[in-house]
Amino acid sequence: MKTPMELLKEFAPEFAQNQMDERALLFEHPNYQAIPGKYKLLIGIAAAIAGSDTCTQMWVTMAKGQGVTNAEIVEAIMVARYMKQATVNDTVAGALAKLSGDAL
């Protein structure tokens, strides 16, 4: 089975190239190094766990290849999980208010 990026390259090669150019910009360009690469990878893991198994595995593999520890990866996952709960609470607040008879 092809990866999402392989499919993007097949159907929209310009967009795939753009994504790879952005990645190089963020990870390699000297003007964008205020956040260490290790932290960028942990941010990638945290963002990916919100909705993509494939992306989560990709970011974890990249992080491991750059020396990020299992403990750091697990902590990033736990922080992202905690943070995502807040968005779930916000998303359901209107429905819960409706159930309780309150209006938001």
N, C-alpha and C. Protein backbone atom coordinates (compact mmCIF):
# COMPACT_ATOMS: atom_id res chain seq x y z
N MET A 1 0.84 -1.18 0.00
CA MET A 1 0.00 0.00 0.00
C MET A 1 0.89 1.25 0.00
N LYS A 2 0.54 2.21 -0.81
CA LYS A 2 1.31 3.44 -0.91
C LYS A 2 1.06 4.34 0.30
N THR A 3 2.10 5.07 0.67
CA THR A 3 1.96 6.03 1.76
C THR A 3 1.20 7.25 1.26
N PRO A 4 0.66 8.06 2.18
CA PRO A 4 -0.01 9.28 1.74
C PRO A 4 0.90 10.18 0.89
N MET A 5 2.17 10.27 1.23
CA MET A 5 3.08 11.11 0.47
C MET A 5 3.33 10.53 -0.92
N GLU A 6 3.44 9.22 -1.04
CA GLU A 6 3.59 8.59 -2.35
C GLU A 6 2.38 8.87 -3.23
N LEU A 7 1.20 8.82 -2.64
CA LEU A 7 -0.02 9.12 -3.39
C LEU A 7 -0.05 10.59 -3.82
N LEU A 8 0.36 11.47 -2.92
CA LEU A 8 0.40 12.88 -3.26
C LEU A 8 1.37 13.13 -4.41
N LYS A 9 2.53 12.47 -4.36
CA LYS A 9 3.51 12.61 -5.44
C LYS A 9 2.93 12.13 -6.78
N GLU A 10 2.13 11.09 -6.72
CA GLU A 10 1.54 10.53 -7.93
C GLU A 10 0.48 11.46 -8.53
N PHE A 11 -0.38 11.99 -7.67
CA PHE A 11 -1.52 12.75 -8.17
C PHE A 11 -1.29 14.26 -8.20
N ALA A 12 -0.41 14.76 -7.36
CA ALA A 12 -0.15 16.21 -7.31
C ALA A 12 1.32 16.44 -6.97
N PRO A 13 2.20 16.13 -7.91
CA PRO A 13 3.63 16.20 -7.62
C PRO A 13 4.11 17.58 -7.18
N GLU A 14 3.46 18.63 -7.67
CA GLU A 14 3.86 19.98 -7.26
C GLU A 14 3.58 20.21 -5.78
N PHE A 15 2.45 19.73 -5.32
CA PHE A 15 2.11 19.88 -3.91
C PHE A 15 3.03 19.03 -3.03
N ALA A 16 3.36 17.85 -3.49
CA ALA A 16 4.29 17.00 -2.76
C ALA A 16 5.65 17.68 -2.64
N GLN A 17 6.11 18.26 -3.73
CA GLN A 17 7.39 18.97 -3.70
C GLN A 17 7.33 20.16 -2.76
N ASN A 18 6.21 20.87 -2.79
CA ASN A 18 6.03 22.01 -1.89
C ASN A 18 6.13 21.57 -0.43
N GLN A 19 5.52 20.45 -0.11
CA GLN A 19 5.57 19.95 1.26
C GLN A 19 7.01 19.59 1.65
N MET A 20 7.74 18.99 0.74
CA MET A 20 9.13 18.64 1.02
C MET A 20 9.99 19.90 1.15
N ASP A 21 9.70 20.92 0.34
CA ASP A 21 10.42 22.18 0.45
C ASP A 21 10.16 22.85 1.80
N GLU A 22 8.91 22.81 2.25
CA GLU A 22 8.57 23.38 3.56
C GLU A 22 9.30 22.63 4.67
N ARG A 23 9.36 21.32 4.56
CA ARG A 23 10.07 20.52 5.56
C ARG A 23 11.54 20.93 5.61
N ALA A 24 12.17 21.06 4.46
CA ALA A 24 13.58 21.48 4.42
C ALA A 24 13.73 22.87 5.02
N LEU A 25 12.80 23.76 4.72
CA LEU A 25 12.85 25.11 5.27
C LEU A 25 12.82 25.06 6.80
N LEU A 26 11.89 24.32 7.34
CA LEU A 26 11.73 24.28 8.79
C LEU A 26 12.84 23.51 9.52
N PHE A 27 13.36 22.49 8.88
CA PHE A 27 14.36 21.66 9.57
C PHE A 27 15.81 22.01 9.21
N GLU A 28 16.03 22.70 8.08
CA GLU A 28 17.41 22.91 7.64
C GLU A 28 17.81 24.36 7.47
N HIS A 29 16.89 25.25 7.16
CA HIS A 29 17.23 26.65 6.87
C HIS A 29 17.72 27.33 8.15
N PRO A 30 18.84 28.05 8.07
CA PRO A 30 19.39 28.69 9.27
C PRO A 30 18.47 29.73 9.92
N ASN A 31 17.55 30.31 9.17
CA ASN A 31 16.64 31.30 9.75
C ASN A 31 15.54 30.69 10.60
N TYR A 32 15.39 29.37 10.54
CA TYR A 32 14.31 28.70 11.28
C TYR A 32 14.87 27.62 12.20
N GLN A 33 15.79 28.01 13.04
CA GLN A 33 16.40 27.07 13.97
C GLN A 33 16.25 27.51 15.42
N ALA A 34 15.32 28.42 15.70
CA ALA A 34 15.08 28.84 17.08
C ALA A 34 14.60 27.67 17.93
N ILE A 35 13.82 26.79 17.32
CA ILE A 35 13.35 25.58 18.00
C ILE A 35 14.26 24.44 17.55
N PRO A 36 14.93 23.77 18.49
CA PRO A 36 15.79 22.65 18.09
C PRO A 36 15.01 21.56 17.35
N GLY A 37 15.71 20.89 16.44
CA GLY A 37 15.09 19.84 15.64
C GLY A 37 14.39 18.79 16.48
N LYS A 38 14.97 18.43 17.61
CA LYS A 38 14.37 17.44 18.50
C LYS A 38 12.97 17.88 18.93
N TYR A 39 12.83 19.15 19.25
CA TYR A 39 11.53 19.65 19.69
C TYR A 39 10.55 19.71 18.52
N LYS A 40 11.05 20.03 17.35
CA LYS A 40 10.18 20.03 16.17
C LYS A 40 9.62 18.63 15.92
N LEU A 41 10.46 17.62 16.10
CA LEU A 41 9.99 16.25 15.92
C LEU A 41 8.96 15.88 16.97
N LEU A 42 9.16 16.31 18.20
CA LEU A 42 8.19 16.03 19.26
C LEU A 42 6.87 16.76 18.98
N ILE A 43 6.95 17.97 18.44
CA ILE A 43 5.74 18.69 18.04
C ILE A 43 5.03 17.91 16.93
N GLY A 44 5.80 17.38 15.99
CA GLY A 44 5.22 16.58 14.91
C GLY A 44 4.48 15.37 15.44
N ILE A 45 5.08 14.69 16.41
CA ILE A 45 4.43 13.52 17.02
C ILE A 45 3.13 13.97 17.68
N ALA A 46 3.19 15.04 18.46
CA ALA A 46 2.01 15.51 19.18
C ALA A 46 0.88 15.90 18.22
N ALA A 47 1.23 16.57 17.14
CA ALA A 47 0.20 16.95 16.17
C ALA A 47 -0.38 15.73 15.47
N ALA A 48 0.46 14.77 15.15
CA ALA A 48 0.01 13.60 14.40
C ALA A 48 -0.92 12.71 15.21
N ILE A 49 -0.69 12.59 16.51
CA ILE A 49 -1.53 11.66 17.28
C ILE A 49 -2.97 12.13 17.36
N ALA A 50 -3.21 13.38 16.99
CA ALA A 50 -4.58 13.88 17.00
C ALA A 50 -5.41 13.28 15.88
N GLY A 51 -4.78 12.54 14.94
CA GLY A 51 -5.63 11.99 13.91
C GLY A 51 -4.98 11.13 12.84
N SER A 52 -3.70 10.77 12.97
CA SER A 52 -3.10 9.99 11.90
C SER A 52 -2.09 8.98 12.43
N ASP A 53 -2.44 7.73 12.34
CA ASP A 53 -1.52 6.66 12.73
C ASP A 53 -0.28 6.66 11.85
N THR A 54 -0.49 6.81 10.54
CA THR A 54 0.63 6.81 9.60
C THR A 54 1.61 7.93 9.92
N CYS A 55 1.09 9.14 10.13
CA CYS A 55 1.96 10.27 10.44
C CYS A 55 2.63 10.11 11.80
N THR A 56 1.90 9.59 12.76
CA THR A 56 2.49 9.36 14.08
C THR A 56 3.67 8.42 13.96
N GLN A 57 3.50 7.32 13.23
CA GLN A 57 4.60 6.37 13.07
C GLN A 57 5.78 7.01 12.34
N MET A 58 5.50 7.83 11.33
CA MET A 58 6.56 8.50 10.58
C MET A 58 7.36 9.43 11.50
N TRP A 59 6.65 10.26 12.27
CA TRP A 59 7.35 11.20 13.16
C TRP A 59 8.13 10.47 14.24
N VAL A 60 7.57 9.39 14.78
CA VAL A 60 8.29 8.61 15.79
C VAL A 60 9.56 8.02 15.19
N THR A 61 9.46 7.48 13.99
CA THR A 61 10.64 6.91 13.32
C THR A 61 11.70 7.99 13.10
N MET A 62 11.28 9.16 12.64
CA MET A 62 12.22 10.25 12.42
C MET A 62 12.85 10.69 13.74
N ALA A 63 12.04 10.79 14.77
CA ALA A 63 12.56 11.21 16.08
C ALA A 63 13.57 10.21 16.62
N LYS A 64 13.24 8.93 16.53
CA LYS A 64 14.18 7.89 17.00
C LYS A 64 15.48 7.97 16.22
N GLY A 65 15.40 8.25 14.92
CA GLY A 65 16.59 8.37 14.09
C GLY A 65 17.46 9.56 14.46
N GLN A 66 16.87 10.54 15.13
CA GLN A 66 17.60 11.73 15.55
C GLN A 66 17.97 11.69 17.04
N GLY A 67 17.79 10.52 17.66
CA GLY A 67 18.22 10.36 19.04
C GLY A 67 17.22 10.74 20.11
N VAL A 68 15.98 11.00 19.73
CA VAL A 68 14.95 11.30 20.72
C VAL A 68 14.66 10.01 21.48
N THR A 69 14.59 10.11 22.80
CA THR A 69 14.42 8.92 23.63
C THR A 69 12.97 8.46 23.67
N ASN A 70 12.79 7.20 24.04
CA ASN A 70 11.44 6.66 24.21
C ASN A 70 10.67 7.47 25.25
N ALA A 71 11.34 7.83 26.35
CA ALA A 71 10.68 8.59 27.41
C ALA A 71 10.20 9.94 26.89
N GLU A 72 11.00 10.60 26.06
CA GLU A 72 10.60 11.89 25.49
C GLU A 72 9.41 11.73 24.56
N ILE A 73 9.43 10.69 23.75
CA ILE A 73 8.32 10.45 22.82
C ILE A 73 7.04 10.14 23.58
N VAL A 74 7.13 9.28 24.57
CA VAL A 74 5.94 8.93 25.35
C VAL A 74 5.39 10.16 26.07
N GLU A 75 6.29 10.98 26.61
CA GLU A 75 5.82 12.19 27.29
C GLU A 75 5.15 13.14 26.31
N ALA A 76 5.69 13.28 25.12
CA ALA A 76 5.05 14.12 24.09
C ALA A 76 3.66 13.60 23.76
N ILE A 77 3.53 12.30 23.65
CA ILE A 77 2.23 11.68 23.38
C ILE A 77 1.26 11.96 24.51
N MET A 78 1.73 11.83 25.74
CA MET A 78 0.84 12.04 26.89
C MET A 78 0.42 13.51 27.00
N VAL A 79 1.35 14.43 26.73
CA VAL A 79 1.01 15.86 26.74
C VAL A 79 -0.01 16.16 25.65
N ALA A 80 0.21 15.65 24.45
CA ALA A 80 -0.73 15.88 23.35
C ALA A 80 -2.10 15.30 23.68
N ARG A 81 -2.11 14.11 24.27
CA ARG A 81 -3.38 13.49 24.66
C ARG A 81 -4.13 14.37 25.65
N TYR A 82 -3.40 14.89 26.63
CA TYR A 82 -3.99 15.77 27.63
C TYR A 82 -4.55 17.03 26.97
N MET A 83 -3.75 17.65 26.10
CA MET A 83 -4.17 18.88 25.43
C MET A 83 -5.39 18.65 24.54
N LYS A 84 -5.43 17.50 23.87
CA LYS A 84 -6.55 17.19 22.97
C LYS A 84 -7.86 17.07 23.75
N GLN A 85 -7.77 16.64 25.01
CA GLN A 85 -8.98 16.54 25.82
C GLN A 85 -9.68 17.89 25.94
N ALA A 86 -8.89 18.96 26.02
CA ALA A 86 -9.49 20.29 26.14
C ALA A 86 -10.29 20.64 24.89
N THR A 87 -9.79 20.26 23.72
CA THR A 87 -10.54 20.55 22.49
C THR A 87 -11.80 19.70 22.41
N VAL A 88 -11.73 18.49 22.91
CA VAL A 88 -12.93 17.65 22.95
C VAL A 88 -13.96 18.28 23.89
N ASN A 89 -13.51 18.72 25.05
CA ASN A 89 -14.43 19.36 26.00
C ASN A 89 -15.10 20.58 25.36
N ASP A 90 -14.32 21.39 24.64
CA ASP A 90 -14.87 22.57 23.98
C ASP A 90 -15.86 22.17 22.89
N THR A 91 -15.53 21.13 22.14
CA THR A 91 -16.38 20.69 21.04
C THR A 91 -17.74 20.21 21.53
N VAL A 92 -17.77 19.54 22.66
CA VAL A 92 -19.04 18.99 23.16
C VAL A 92 -19.78 19.92 24.10
N ALA A 93 -19.19 21.06 24.46
CA ALA A 93 -19.81 21.96 25.44
C ALA A 93 -21.20 22.40 25.01
N GLY A 94 -21.37 22.75 23.74
CA GLY A 94 -22.69 23.17 23.26
C GLY A 94 -23.72 22.07 23.38
N ALA A 95 -23.34 20.86 23.03
CA ALA A 95 -24.27 19.73 23.14
C ALA A 95 -24.62 19.45 24.59
N LEU A 96 -23.63 19.51 25.47
CA LEU A 96 -23.90 19.28 26.89
C LEU A 96 -24.77 20.38 27.47
N ALA A 97 -24.54 21.62 27.03
CA ALA A 97 -25.38 22.72 27.49
C ALA A 97 -26.83 22.51 27.05
N LYS A 98 -26.99 22.03 25.82
CA LYS A 98 -28.33 21.76 25.31
C LYS A 98 -29.01 20.67 26.14
N LEU A 99 -28.26 19.65 26.50
CA LEU A 99 -28.82 18.57 27.34
C LEU A 99 -29.21 19.06 28.71
N SER A 100 -28.46 20.02 29.25
CA SER A 100 -28.76 20.50 30.59
C SER A 100 -29.79 21.63 30.59
N GLY A 101 -30.19 22.08 29.38
CA GLY A 101 -31.16 23.15 29.28
C GLY A 101 -30.55 24.53 29.32
N ASP A 102 -29.23 24.62 29.41
CA ASP A 102 -28.53 25.91 29.40
C ASP A 102 -28.17 26.29 27.98
N ALA A 103 -28.06 27.55 27.74
CA ALA A 103 -27.59 28.00 26.44
C ALA A 103 -26.19 28.57 26.61
N LEU A 104 -25.35 28.32 25.64
CA LEU A 104 -24.00 28.89 25.69
C LEU A 104 -23.96 30.22 25.00
